[in-house]
PDB file of N, CA and C in Angstrom:
ATOM      1  N   MET A   1     -62.707  18.686   5.649  1.00  0.00           N
ATOM      2  CA  MET A   1     -62.220  17.830   6.702  1.00  0.00           C
ATOM      3  C   MET A   1     -61.778  18.679   7.891  1.00  0.00           C
ATOM      4  N   PHE A   2     -60.855  19.596   7.697  1.00  0.00           N
ATOM      5  CA  PHE A   2     -60.342  20.432   8.788  1.00  0.00           C
ATOM      6  C   PHE A   2     -60.717  21.872   8.499  1.00  0.00           C
ATOM      7  N   ASN A   3     -61.531  22.444   9.363  1.00  0.00           N
ATOM      8  CA  ASN A   3     -61.992  23.813   9.177  1.00  0.00           C
ATOM      9  C   ASN A   3     -61.004  24.756   9.859  1.00  0.00           C
ATOM     10  N   LYS A   4     -60.215  25.445   9.072  1.00  0.00           N
ATOM     11  CA  LYS A   4     -59.173  26.323   9.601  1.00  0.00           C
ATOM     12  C   LYS A   4     -59.769  27.549  10.299  1.00  0.00           C
ATOM     13  N   ASP A   5     -60.903  28.039   9.812  1.00  0.00           N
ATOM     14  CA  ASP A   5     -61.522  29.218  10.402  1.00  0.00           C
ATOM     15  C   ASP A   5     -62.034  28.955  11.814  1.00  0.00           C
ATOM     16  N   LYS A   6     -62.401  27.732  12.096  1.00  0.00           N
ATOM     17  CA  LYS A   6     -62.935  27.393  13.414  1.00  0.00           C
ATOM     18  C   LYS A   6     -61.871  27.555  14.495  1.00  0.00           C
ATOM     19  N   PHE A   7     -60.623  27.301  14.172  1.00  0.00           N
ATOM     20  CA  PHE A   7     -59.539  27.360  15.144  1.00  0.00           C
ATOM     21  C   PHE A   7     -58.655  28.591  14.971  1.00  0.00           C
ATOM     22  N   SER A   8     -59.124  29.555  14.236  1.00  0.00           N
ATOM     23  CA  SER A   8     -58.343  30.756  13.975  1.00  0.00           C
ATOM     24  C   SER A   8     -58.201  31.585  15.237  1.00  0.00           C
ATOM     25  N   SER A   9     -57.008  32.096  15.482  1.00  0.00           N
ATOM     26  CA  SER A   9     -56.762  32.900  16.675  1.00  0.00           C
ATOM     27  C   SER A   9     -56.985  34.388  16.414  1.00  0.00           C
ATOM     28  N   ASN A  10     -57.359  34.752  15.186  1.00  0.00           N
ATOM     29  CA  ASN A  10     -57.571  36.152  14.841  1.00  0.00           C
ATOM     30  C   ASN A  10     -58.962  36.653  15.211  1.00  0.00           C
ATOM     31  N   LYS A  11     -59.841  35.778  15.653  1.00  0.00           N
ATOM     32  CA  LYS A  11     -61.196  36.182  15.995  1.00  0.00           C
ATOM     33  C   LYS A  11     -61.206  36.898  17.336  1.00  0.00           C
ATOM     34  N   PHE A  12     -62.084  37.877  17.459  1.00  0.00           N
ATOM     35  CA  PHE A  12     -62.269  38.600  18.704  1.00  0.00           C
ATOM     36  C   PHE A  12     -63.033  37.712  19.682  1.00  0.00           C
ATOM     37  N   LYS A  13     -62.492  37.583  20.886  1.00  0.00           N
ATOM     38  CA  LYS A  13     -63.111  36.726  21.892  1.00  0.00           C
ATOM     39  C   LYS A  13     -63.512  37.586  23.086  1.00  0.00           C
ATOM     40  N   PRO A  14     -64.778  38.033  23.128  1.00  0.00           N
ATOM     41  CA  PRO A  14     -65.195  38.960  24.187  1.00  0.00           C
ATOM     42  C   PRO A  14     -65.132  38.358  25.583  1.00  0.00           C
ATOM     43  N   PHE A  15     -65.380  37.073  25.723  1.00  0.00           N
ATOM     44  CA  PHE A  15     -65.331  36.463  27.053  1.00  0.00           C
ATOM     45  C   PHE A  15     -63.904  36.402  27.592  1.00  0.00           C
ATOM     46  N   LYS A  16     -62.964  36.172  26.707  1.00  0.00           N
ATOM     47  CA  LYS A  16     -61.565  36.148  27.118  1.00  0.00           C
ATOM     48  C   LYS A  16     -61.107  37.547  27.553  1.00  0.00           C
ATOM     49  N   VAL A  17     -61.510  38.562  26.796  1.00  0.00           N
ATOM     50  CA  VAL A  17     -61.168  39.941  27.139  1.00  0.00           C
ATOM     51  C   VAL A  17     -61.812  40.313  28.467  1.00  0.00           C
ATOM     52  N   LEU A  18     -63.080  39.965  28.635  1.00  0.00           N
ATOM     53  CA  LEU A  18     -63.800  40.260  29.871  1.00  0.00           C
ATOM     54  C   LEU A  18     -63.145  39.560  31.062  1.00  0.00           C
ATOM     55  N   PHE A  19     -62.689  38.331  30.860  1.00  0.00           N
ATOM     56  CA  PHE A  19     -62.019  37.585  31.922  1.00  0.00           C
ATOM     57  C   PHE A  19     -60.741  38.303  32.368  1.00  0.00           C
ATOM     58  N   PHE A  20     -59.902  38.725  31.414  1.00  0.00           N
ATOM     59  CA  PHE A  20     -58.651  39.382  31.773  1.00  0.00           C
ATOM     60  C   PHE A  20     -58.873  40.769  32.363  1.00  0.00           C
ATOM     61  N   VAL A  21     -59.885  41.480  31.896  1.00  0.00           N
ATOM     62  CA  VAL A  21     -60.212  42.779  32.489  1.00  0.00           C
ATOM     63  C   VAL A  21     -60.667  42.588  33.933  1.00  0.00           C
ATOM     64  N   THR A  22     -61.473  41.568  34.176  1.00  0.00           N
ATOM     65  CA  THR A  22     -61.935  41.270  35.534  1.00  0.00           C
ATOM     66  C   THR A  22     -60.767  40.895  36.442  1.00  0.00           C
ATOM     67  N   ILE A  23     -59.856  40.078  35.956  1.00  0.00           N
ATOM     68  CA  ILE A  23     -58.679  39.694  36.749  1.00  0.00           C
ATOM     69  C   ILE A  23     -57.826  40.922  37.052  1.00  0.00           C
ATOM     70  N   PHE A  24     -57.616  41.783  36.055  1.00  0.00           N
ATOM     71  CA  PHE A  24     -56.825  42.995  36.273  1.00  0.00           C
ATOM     72  C   PHE A  24     -57.471  43.887  37.327  1.00  0.00           C
ATOM     73  N   LEU A  25     -58.785  44.094  37.214  1.00  0.00           N
ATOM     74  CA  LEU A  25     -59.483  44.933  38.190  1.00  0.00           C
ATOM     75  C   LEU A  25     -59.450  44.325  39.589  1.00  0.00           C
ATOM     76  N   ALA A  26     -59.531  43.007  39.685  1.00  0.00           N
ATOM     77  CA  ALA A  26     -59.462  42.344  40.988  1.00  0.00           C
ATOM     78  C   ALA A  26     -58.082  42.557  41.628  1.00  0.00           C
ATOM     79  N   PHE A  27     -57.013  42.397  40.841  1.00  0.00           N
ATOM     80  CA  PHE A  27     -55.666  42.611  41.377  1.00  0.00           C
ATOM     81  C   PHE A  27     -55.429  44.076  41.736  1.00  0.00           C
ATOM     82  N   ALA A  28     -55.909  44.989  40.909  1.00  0.00           N
ATOM     83  CA  ALA A  28     -55.750  46.414  41.202  1.00  0.00           C
ATOM     84  C   ALA A  28     -56.523  46.793  42.460  1.00  0.00           C
ATOM     85  N   SER A  29     -57.727  46.256  42.621  1.00  0.00           N
ATOM     86  CA  SER A  29     -58.516  46.529  43.824  1.00  0.00           C
ATOM     87  C   SER A  29     -57.846  45.956  45.064  1.00  0.00           C
ATOM     88  N   ALA A  30     -57.342  44.733  44.952  1.00  0.00           N
ATOM     89  CA  ALA A  30     -56.667  44.116  46.099  1.00  0.00           C
ATOM     90  C   ALA A  30     -55.423  44.914  46.487  1.00  0.00           C
ATOM     91  N   ALA A  31     -54.653  45.340  45.504  1.00  0.00           N
ATOM     92  CA  ALA A  31     -53.454  46.132  45.795  1.00  0.00           C
ATOM     93  C   ALA A  31     -53.830  47.467  46.428  1.00  0.00           C
ATOM     94  N   SER A  32     -54.901  48.081  45.950  1.00  0.00           N
ATOM     95  CA  SER A  32     -55.344  49.353  46.524  1.00  0.00           C
ATOM     96  C   SER A  32     -55.799  49.168  47.964  1.00  0.00           C
ATOM     97  N   PHE A  33     -56.506  48.078  48.250  1.00  0.00           N
ATOM     98  CA  PHE A  33     -56.922  47.806  49.621  1.00  0.00           C
ATOM     99  C   PHE A  33     -55.728  47.562  50.533  1.00  0.00           C
ATOM    100  N   VAL A  34     -54.711  46.866  50.037  1.00  0.00           N
ATOM    101  CA  VAL A  34     -53.508  46.622  50.846  1.00  0.00           C
ATOM    102  C   VAL A  34     -52.791  47.931  51.144  1.00  0.00           C
ATOM    103  N   VAL A  35     -52.642  48.796  50.133  1.00  0.00           N
ATOM    104  CA  VAL A  35     -51.993  50.096  50.349  1.00  0.00           C
ATOM    105  C   VAL A  35     -52.807  50.927  51.332  1.00  0.00           C
ATOM    106  N   MET A  36     -54.126  50.938  51.155  1.00  0.00           N
ATOM    107  CA  MET A  36     -54.984  51.707  52.049  1.00  0.00           C
ATOM    108  C   MET A  36     -54.884  51.183  53.491  1.00  0.00           C
ATOM    109  N   PHE A  37     -54.906  49.866  53.659  1.00  0.00           N
ATOM    110  CA  PHE A  37     -54.827  49.279  54.990  1.00  0.00           C
ATOM    111  C   PHE A  37     -53.489  49.596  55.656  1.00  0.00           C
ATOM    112  N   LEU A  38     -52.397  49.394  54.929  1.00  0.00           N
ATOM    113  CA  LEU A  38     -51.084  49.655  55.519  1.00  0.00           C
ATOM    114  C   LEU A  38     -50.892  51.134  55.843  1.00  0.00           C
ATOM    115  N   TRP A  39     -51.316  52.000  54.935  1.00  0.00           N
ATOM    116  CA  TRP A  39     -51.203  53.438  55.167  1.00  0.00           C
ATOM    117  C   TRP A  39     -51.986  53.831  56.420  1.00  0.00           C
ATOM    118  N   ASN A  40     -53.252  53.386  56.479  1.00  0.00           N
ATOM    119  CA  ASN A  40     -54.116  53.779  57.586  1.00  0.00           C
ATOM    120  C   ASN A  40     -53.713  53.119  58.906  1.00  0.00           C
ATOM    121  N   ALA A  41     -53.051  51.968  58.843  1.00  0.00           N
ATOM    122  CA  ALA A  41     -52.637  51.285  60.067  1.00  0.00           C
ATOM    123  C   ALA A  41     -51.337  51.845  60.630  1.00  0.00           C
ATOM    124  N   ILE A  42     -50.465  52.371  59.763  1.00  0.00           N
ATOM    125  CA  ILE A  42     -49.129  52.766  60.225  1.00  0.00           C
ATOM    126  C   ILE A  42     -48.923  54.277  60.230  1.00  0.00           C
ATOM    127  N   LEU A  43     -49.130  54.922  59.120  1.00  0.00           N
ATOM    128  CA  LEU A  43     -48.691  56.304  58.959  1.00  0.00           C
ATOM    129  C   LEU A  43     -49.434  57.352  59.794  1.00  0.00           C
ATOM    130  N   PRO A  44     -50.749  57.257  60.026  1.00  0.00           N
ATOM    131  CA  PRO A  44     -51.378  58.298  60.847  1.00  0.00           C
ATOM    132  C   PRO A  44     -50.800  58.384  62.260  1.00  0.00           C
ATOM    133  N   ASP A  45     -50.466  57.244  62.869  1.00  0.00           N
ATOM    134  CA  ASP A  45     -49.895  57.255  64.220  1.00  0.00           C
ATOM    135  C   ASP A  45     -48.429  57.662  64.227  1.00  0.00           C
ATOM    136  N   VAL A  46     -47.681  57.237  63.220  1.00  0.00           N
ATOM    137  CA  VAL A  46     -46.243  57.486  63.197  1.00  0.00           C
ATOM    138  C   VAL A  46     -45.918  58.894  62.712  1.00  0.00           C
ATOM    139  N   VAL A  47     -46.498  59.303  61.599  1.00  0.00           N
ATOM    140  CA  VAL A  47     -46.142  60.568  60.963  1.00  0.00           C
ATOM    141  C   VAL A  47     -47.207  61.642  61.192  1.00  0.00           C
ATOM    142  N   GLY A  48     -48.430  61.237  61.461  1.00  0.00           N
ATOM    143  CA  GLY A  48     -49.494  62.193  61.676  1.00  0.00           C
ATOM    144  C   GLY A  48     -50.191  62.645  60.406  1.00  0.00           C
ATOM    145  N   VAL A  49     -50.213  61.793  59.366  1.00  0.00           N
ATOM    146  CA  VAL A  49     -50.903  62.132  58.123  1.00  0.00           C
ATOM    147  C   VAL A  49     -52.350  61.665  58.200  1.00  0.00           C
ATOM    148  N   LYS A  50     -53.185  62.151  57.287  1.00  0.00           N
ATOM    149  CA  LYS A  50     -54.592  61.762  57.254  1.00  0.00           C
ATOM    150  C   LYS A  50     -54.735  60.353  56.672  1.00  0.00           C
ATOM    151  N   PRO A  51     -55.762  59.632  57.077  1.00  0.00           N
ATOM    152  CA  PRO A  51     -56.019  58.312  56.475  1.00  0.00           C
ATOM    153  C   PRO A  51     -56.410  58.455  55.002  1.00  0.00           C
ATOM    154  N   LEU A  52     -56.132  57.405  54.239  1.00  0.00           N
ATOM    155  CA  LEU A  52     -56.447  57.375  52.807  1.00  0.00           C
ATOM    156  C   LEU A  52     -57.781  56.688  52.563  1.00  0.00           C
ATOM    157  N   SER A  53     -58.470  57.132  51.514  1.00  0.00           N
ATOM    158  CA  SER A  53     -59.638  56.395  51.029  1.00  0.00           C
ATOM    159  C   SER A  53     -59.159  55.370  49.993  1.00  0.00           C
ATOM    160  N   PHE A  54     -60.074  54.525  49.542  1.00  0.00           N
ATOM    161  CA  PHE A  54     -59.728  53.526  48.533  1.00  0.00           C
ATOM    162  C   PHE A  54     -59.227  54.189  47.258  1.00  0.00           C
ATOM    163  N   TRP A  55     -59.914  55.223  46.792  1.00  0.00           N
ATOM    164  CA  TRP A  55     -59.555  55.868  45.534  1.00  0.00           C
ATOM    165  C   TRP A  55     -58.240  56.629  45.658  1.00  0.00           C
ATOM    166  N   GLN A  56     -57.960  57.180  46.828  1.00  0.00           N
ATOM    167  CA  GLN A  56     -56.670  57.833  47.023  1.00  0.00           C
ATOM    168  C   GLN A  56     -55.537  56.807  46.987  1.00  0.00           C
ATOM    169  N   ALA A  57     -55.773  55.629  47.565  1.00  0.00           N
ATOM    170  CA  ALA A  57     -54.767  54.561  47.523  1.00  0.00           C
ATOM    171  C   ALA A  57     -54.549  54.081  46.086  1.00  0.00           C
ATOM    172  N   ALA A  58     -55.644  53.960  45.324  1.00  0.00           N
ATOM    173  CA  ALA A  58     -55.509  53.551  43.917  1.00  0.00           C
ATOM    174  C   ALA A  58     -54.734  54.610  43.132  1.00  0.00           C
ATOM    175  N   GLY A  59     -55.011  55.879  43.389  1.00  0.00           N
ATOM    176  CA  GLY A  59     -54.274  56.953  42.726  1.00  0.00           C
ATOM    177  C   GLY A  59     -52.812  56.968  43.116  1.00  0.00           C
ATOM    178  N   LEU A  60     -52.525  56.679  44.380  1.00  0.00           N
ATOM    179  CA  LEU A  60     -51.136  56.610  44.841  1.00  0.00           C
ATOM    180  C   LEU A  60     -50.385  55.477  44.143  1.00  0.00           C
ATOM    181  N   LEU A  61     -51.043  54.340  43.972  1.00  0.00           N
ATOM    182  CA  LEU A  61     -50.413  53.229  43.240  1.00  0.00           C
ATOM    183  C   LEU A  61     -50.139  53.602  41.789  1.00  0.00           C
ATOM    184  N   LEU A  62     -51.095  54.258  41.157  1.00  0.00           N
ATOM    185  CA  LEU A  62     -50.919  54.686  39.766  1.00  0.00           C
ATOM    186  C   LEU A  62     -49.783  55.698  39.654  1.00  0.00           C
ATOM    187  N   LEU A  63     -49.723  56.636  40.574  1.00  0.00           N
ATOM    188  CA  LEU A  63     -48.646  57.625  40.575  1.00  0.00           C
ATOM    189  C   LEU A  63     -47.287  56.955  40.762  1.00  0.00           C
ATOM    190  N   ALA A  64     -47.210  55.993  41.673  1.00  0.00           N
ATOM    191  CA  ALA A  64     -45.950  55.273  41.882  1.00  0.00           C
ATOM    192  C   ALA A  64     -45.545  54.500  40.637  1.00  0.00           C
ATOM    193  N   LYS A  65     -46.524  53.914  39.949  1.00  0.00           N
ATOM    194  CA  LYS A  65     -46.227  53.188  38.707  1.00  0.00           C
ATOM    195  C   LYS A  65     -45.682  54.125  37.646  1.00  0.00           C
ATOM    196  N   ILE A  66     -46.291  55.311  37.532  1.00  0.00           N
ATOM    197  CA  ILE A  66     -45.829  56.269  36.526  1.00  0.00           C
ATOM    198  C   ILE A  66     -44.440  56.782  36.865  1.00  0.00           C
ATOM    199  N   LEU A  67     -44.210  57.130  38.134  1.00  0.00           N
ATOM    200  CA  LEU A  67     -42.930  57.724  38.519  1.00  0.00           C
ATOM    201  C   LEU A  67     -41.788  56.720  38.549  1.00  0.00           C
ATOM    202  N   PHE A  68     -42.044  55.532  39.063  1.00  0.00           N
ATOM    203  CA  PHE A  68     -40.955  54.570  39.279  1.00  0.00           C
ATOM    204  C   PHE A  68     -40.944  53.409  38.296  1.00  0.00           C
ATOM    205  N   GLY A  69     -42.070  53.075  37.699  1.00  0.00           N
ATOM    206  CA  GLY A  69     -42.121  51.926  36.806  1.00  0.00           C
ATOM    207  C   GLY A  69     -42.185  52.287  35.350  1.00  0.00           C
ATOM    208  N   GLY A  70     -42.455  53.538  35.044  1.00  0.00           N
ATOM    209  CA  GLY A  70     -42.594  53.933  33.651  1.00  0.00           C
ATOM    210  C   GLY A  70     -43.959  53.558  33.120  1.00  0.00           C
ATOM    211  N   ILE A  71     -44.235  53.934  31.902  1.00  0.00           N
ATOM    212  CA  ILE A  71     -45.506  53.617  31.271  1.00  0.00           C
ATOM    213  C   ILE A  71     -45.227  52.678  30.111  1.00  0.00           C
ATOM    214  N   GLY A  72     -45.976  51.632  30.015  1.00  0.00           N
ATOM    215  CA  GLY A  72     -45.815  50.695  28.903  1.00  0.00           C
ATOM    216  C   GLY A  72     -44.970  49.509  29.295  1.00  0.00           C
ATOM    217  N   SER A  73     -43.730  49.476  28.851  1.00  0.00           N
ATOM    218  CA  SER A  73     -42.901  48.298  29.044  1.00  0.00           C
ATOM    219  C   SER A  73     -42.305  48.199  30.428  1.00  0.00           C
ATOM    220  N   GLY A  74     -42.432  49.205  31.249  1.00  0.00           N
ATOM    221  CA  GLY A  74     -41.872  49.141  32.585  1.00  0.00           C
ATOM    222  C   GLY A  74     -40.389  49.389  32.625  1.00  0.00           C
ATOM    223  N   GLY A  75     -39.809  49.834  31.521  1.00  0.00           N
ATOM    224  CA  GLY A  75     -38.401  50.188  31.510  1.00  0.00           C
ATOM    225  C   GLY A  75     -37.456  49.013  31.356  1.00  0.00           C
ATOM    226  N   LYS A  76     -37.941  47.863  30.945  1.00  0.00           N
ATOM    227  CA  LYS A  76     -37.077  46.687  30.849  1.00  0.00           C
ATOM    228  C   LYS A  76     -36.278  46.664  29.553  1.00  0.00           C
ATOM    229  N   HIS A  77     -36.817  47.229  28.495  1.00  0.00           N
ATOM    230  CA  HIS A  77     -36.167  47.111  27.193  1.00  0.00           C
ATOM    231  C   HIS A  77     -34.873  47.904  27.114  1.00  0.00           C
ATOM    232  N   TRP A  78     -34.822  49.089  27.721  1.00  0.00           N
ATOM    233  CA  TRP A  78     -33.601  49.880  27.607  1.00  0.00           C
ATOM    234  C   TRP A  78     -32.462  49.245  28.377  1.00  0.00           C
ATOM    235  N   LYS A  79     -32.764  48.501  29.442  1.00  0.00           N
ATOM    236  CA  LYS A  79     -31.698  47.825  30.189  1.00  0.00           C
ATOM    237  C   LYS A  79     -31.051  46.757  29.309  1.00  0.00           C
ATOM    238  N   ASN A  80     -31.881  45.983  28.628  1.00  0.00           N
ATOM    239  CA  ASN A  80     -31.345  44.944  27.746  1.00  0.00           C
ATOM    240  C   ASN A  80     -30.562  45.553  26.600  1.00  0.00           C
ATOM    241  N   LYS A  81     -31.017  46.694  26.090  1.00  0.00           N
ATOM    242  CA  LYS A  81     -30.315  47.339  24.995  1.00  0.00           C
ATOM    243  C   LYS A  81     -28.947  47.813  25.452  1.00  0.00           C
ATOM    244  N   ARG A  82     -28.890  48.446  26.630  1.00  0.00           N
ATOM    245  CA  ARG A  82     -27.606  48.916  27.130  1.00  0.00           C
ATOM    246  C   ARG A  82     -26.653  47.757  27.386  1.00  0.00           C
ATOM    247  N   LYS A  83     -27.164  46.651  27.910  1.00  0.00           N
ATOM    248  CA  LYS A  83     -26.329  45.486  28.162  1.00  0.00           C
ATOM    249  C   LYS A  83     -25.748  44.961  26.847  1.00  0.00           C
ATOM    250  N   GLY A  84     -26.572  44.911  25.815  1.00  0.00           N
ATOM    251  CA  GLY A  84     -26.108  44.451  24.509  1.00  0.00           C
ATOM    252  C   GLY A  84     -25.092  45.399  23.909  1.00  0.00           C
ATOM    253  N   ASP A  85     -25.276  46.719  24.143  1.00  0.00           N
ATOM    254  CA  ASP A  85     -24.323  47.695  23.633  1.00  0.00           C
ATOM    255  C   ASP A  85     -22.950  47.486  24.252  1.00  0.00           C
ATOM    256  N   TRP A  86     -22.897  47.268  25.563  1.00  0.00           N
ATOM    257  CA  TRP A  86     -21.610  47.033  26.230  1.00  0.00           C
ATOM    258  C   TRP A  86     -20.955  45.752  25.738  1.00  0.00           C
ATOM    259  N   LYS A  87     -21.776  44.731  25.544  1.00  0.00           N
ATOM    260  CA  LYS A  87     -21.225  43.460  25.058  1.00  0.00           C
ATOM    261  C   LYS A  87     -20.626  43.639  23.666  1.00  0.00           C
ATOM    262  N   ASN A  88     -21.351  44.335  22.798  1.00  0.00           N
ATOM    263  CA  ASN A  88     -20.844  44.564  21.438  1.00  0.00           C
ATOM    264  C   ASN A  88     -19.584  45.424  21.466  1.00  0.00           C
ATOM    265  N   LYS A  89     -19.585  46.448  22.324  1.00  0.00           N
ATOM    266  CA  LYS A  89     -18.414  47.306  22.419  1.00  0.00           C
ATOM    267  C   LYS A  89     -17.201  46.509  22.917  1.00  0.00           C
ATOM    268  N   TRP A  90     -17.428  45.675  23.922  1.00  0.00           N
ATOM    269  CA  TRP A  90     -16.337  44.873  24.483  1.00  0.00           C
ATOM    270  C   TRP A  90     -15.792  43.896  23.441  1.00  0.00           C
ATOM    271  N   MET A  91     -16.697  43.277  22.686  1.00  0.00           N
ATOM    272  CA  MET A  91     -16.263  42.300  21.685  1.00  0.00           C
ATOM    273  C   MET A  91     -15.506  42.954  20.534  1.00  0.00           C
ATOM    274  N   SER A  92     -15.762  44.238  20.276  1.00  0.00           N
ATOM    275  CA  SER A  92     -15.075  44.912  19.179  1.00  0.00           C
ATOM    276  C   SER A  92     -13.720  45.490  19.597  1.00  0.00           C
ATOM    277  N   MET A  93     -13.398  45.449  20.886  1.00  0.00           N
ATOM    278  CA  MET A  93     -12.102  45.979  21.359  1.00  0.00           C
ATOM    279  C   MET A  93     -10.998  44.966  21.111  1.00  0.00           C
ATOM    280  N   ASN A  94      -9.798  45.502  20.901  1.00  0.00           N
ATOM    281  CA  ASN A  94      -8.653  44.605  20.822  1.00  0.00           C
ATOM    282  C   ASN A  94      -8.118  44.372  22.240  1.00  0.00           C
ATOM    283  N   ASP A  95      -7.098  43.529  22.379  1.00  0.00           N
ATOM    284  CA  ASP A  95      -6.583  43.170  23.708  1.00  0.00           C
ATOM    285  C   ASP A  95      -6.048  44.375  24.475  1.00  0.00           C
ATOM    286  N   GLU A  96      -5.386  45.289  23.788  1.00  0.00           N
ATOM    287  CA  GLU A  96      -4.820  46.466  24.445  1.00  0.00           C
ATOM    288  C   GLU A  96      -5.928  47.365  25.009  1.00  0.00           C
ATOM    289  N   GLU A  97      -6.994  47.558  24.233  1.00  0.00           N
ATOM    290  CA  GLU A  97      -8.117  48.384  24.695  1.00  0.00           C
ATOM    291  C   GLU A  97      -8.836  47.737  25.879  1.00  0.00           C
ATOM    292  N   ARG A  98      -8.969  46.420  25.834  1.00  0.00           N
ATOM    293  CA  ARG A  98      -9.595  45.717  26.954  1.00  0.00           C
ATOM    294  C   ARG A  98      -8.763  45.862  28.220  1.00  0.00           C
ATOM    295  N   HIS A  99      -7.462  45.756  28.080  1.00  0.00           N
ATOM    296  CA  HIS A  99      -6.567  45.893  29.239  1.00  0.00           C
ATOM    297  C   HIS A  99      -6.672  47.303  29.834  1.00  0.00           C
ATOM    298  N   GLU A 100      -6.720  48.325  28.984  1.00  0.00           N
ATOM    299  CA  GLU A 100      -6.872  49.703  29.460  1.00  0.00           C
ATOM    300  C   GLU A 100      -8.204  49.890  30.182  1.00  0.00           C
ATOM    301  N   MET A 101      -9.266  49.316  29.636  1.00  0.00           N
ATOM    302  CA  MET A 101     -10.586  49.429  30.254  1.00  0.00           C
ATOM    303  C   MET A 101     -10.605  48.757  31.627  1.00  0.00           C
ATOM    304  N   LYS A 102     -10.011  47.576  31.727  1.00  0.00           N
ATOM    305  CA  LYS A 102      -9.944  46.888  33.012  1.00  0.00           C
ATOM    306  C   LYS A 102      -9.163  47.707  34.030  1.00  0.00           C
ATOM    307  N   ALA A 103      -8.061  48.302  33.609  1.00  0.00           N
ATOM    308  CA  ALA A 103      -7.260  49.118  34.513  1.00  0.00           C
ATOM    309  C   ALA A 103      -8.045  50.332  35.005  1.00  0.00           C
ATOM    310  N   ARG A 104      -8.791  50.978  34.113  1.00  0.00           N
ATOM    311  CA  ARG A 104      -9.608  52.139  34.524  1.00  0.00           C
ATOM    312  C   ARG A 104     -10.686  51.729  35.525  1.00  0.00           C
ATOM    313  N   TRP A 105     -11.331  50.580  35.310  1.00  0.00           N
ATOM    314  CA  TRP A 105     -12.370  50.141  36.239  1.00  0.00           C
ATOM    315  C   TRP A 105     -11.773  49.735  37.579  1.00  0.00           C
ATOM    316  N   LYS A 106     -10.600  49.104  37.579  1.00  0.00           N
ATOM    317  CA  LYS A 106      -9.941  48.779  38.847  1.00  0.00           C
ATOM    318  C   LYS A 106      -9.594  50.037  39.611  1.00  0.00           C
ATOM    319  N   GLU A 107      -9.135  51.055  38.891  1.00  0.00           N
ATOM    320  CA  GLU A 107      -8.807  52.329  39.532  1.00  0.00           C
ATOM    321  C   GLU A 107     -10.057  52.974  40.121  1.00  0.00           C
ATOM    322  N   ARG A 108     -11.153  52.953  39.399  1.00  0.00           N
ATOM    323  CA  ARG A 108     -12.409  53.512  39.911  1.00  0.00           C
ATOM    324  C   ARG A 108     -12.899  52.764  41.138  1.00  0.00           C
ATOM    325  N   CYS A 109     -12.844  51.453  41.090  1.00  0.00           N
ATOM    326  CA  CYS A 109     -13.340  50.653  42.229  1.00  0.00           C
ATOM    327  C   CYS A 109     -12.487  50.852  43.461  1.00  0.00           C
ATOM    328  N   ASN A 110     -11.191  50.941  43.281  1.00  0.00           N
ATOM    329  CA  ASN A 110     -10.297  51.155  44.417  1.00  0.00           C
ATOM    330  C   ASN A 110     -10.461  52.547  45.000  1.00  0.00           C
ATOM    331  N   SER A 111     -10.751  53.554  44.190  1.00  0.00           N
ATOM    332  CA  SER A 111     -10.902  54.904  44.693  1.00  0.00           C
ATOM    333  C   SER A 111     -12.196  55.055  45.498  1.00  0.00           C
ATOM    334  N   LYS A 112     -13.228  54.258  45.228  1.00  0.00           N
ATOM    335  CA  LYS A 112     -14.479  54.328  45.975  1.00  0.00           C
ATOM    336  C   LYS A 112     -14.371  53.662  47.345  1.00  0.00           C
ATOM    337  N   LYS A 113     -13.438  52.751  47.527  1.00  0.00           N
ATOM    338  CA  LYS A 113     -13.277  52.059  48.806  1.00  0.00           C
ATOM    339  C   LYS A 113     -12.619  52.937  49.846  1.00  0.00           C
ATOM    340  N   ARG A 114     -11.891  53.942  49.424  1.00  0.00           N
ATOM    341  CA  ARG A 114     -11.154  54.782  50.357  1.00  0.00           C
ATOM    342  C   ARG A 114     -12.046  55.699  51.100  1.00  0.00           C
TER     343      ARG A 114
END
């Protein structure tokens, strides 16, 4: 009556993979063209640098991703982990420790305003 294998999500779907690869390449190409256009329109006149080719713009985007965005998760997981660590630490403090922590942070914030 109901064929479970027909609707299985474990099957390899080459058209779906090809579709997402095409979309990724289209977005990467568009971003590279935007970087190339902006670089070539602004920086040679202002700073006196050489114009970029398409591949140099794509490499610049990749370099920026590696340096500022990280590889893989984009650096989002460690932020959530640190936030959870502070929450757990705060919840495990007693009232006296919380009061001391608040006083230290008020002192730090006031010292930066001066």
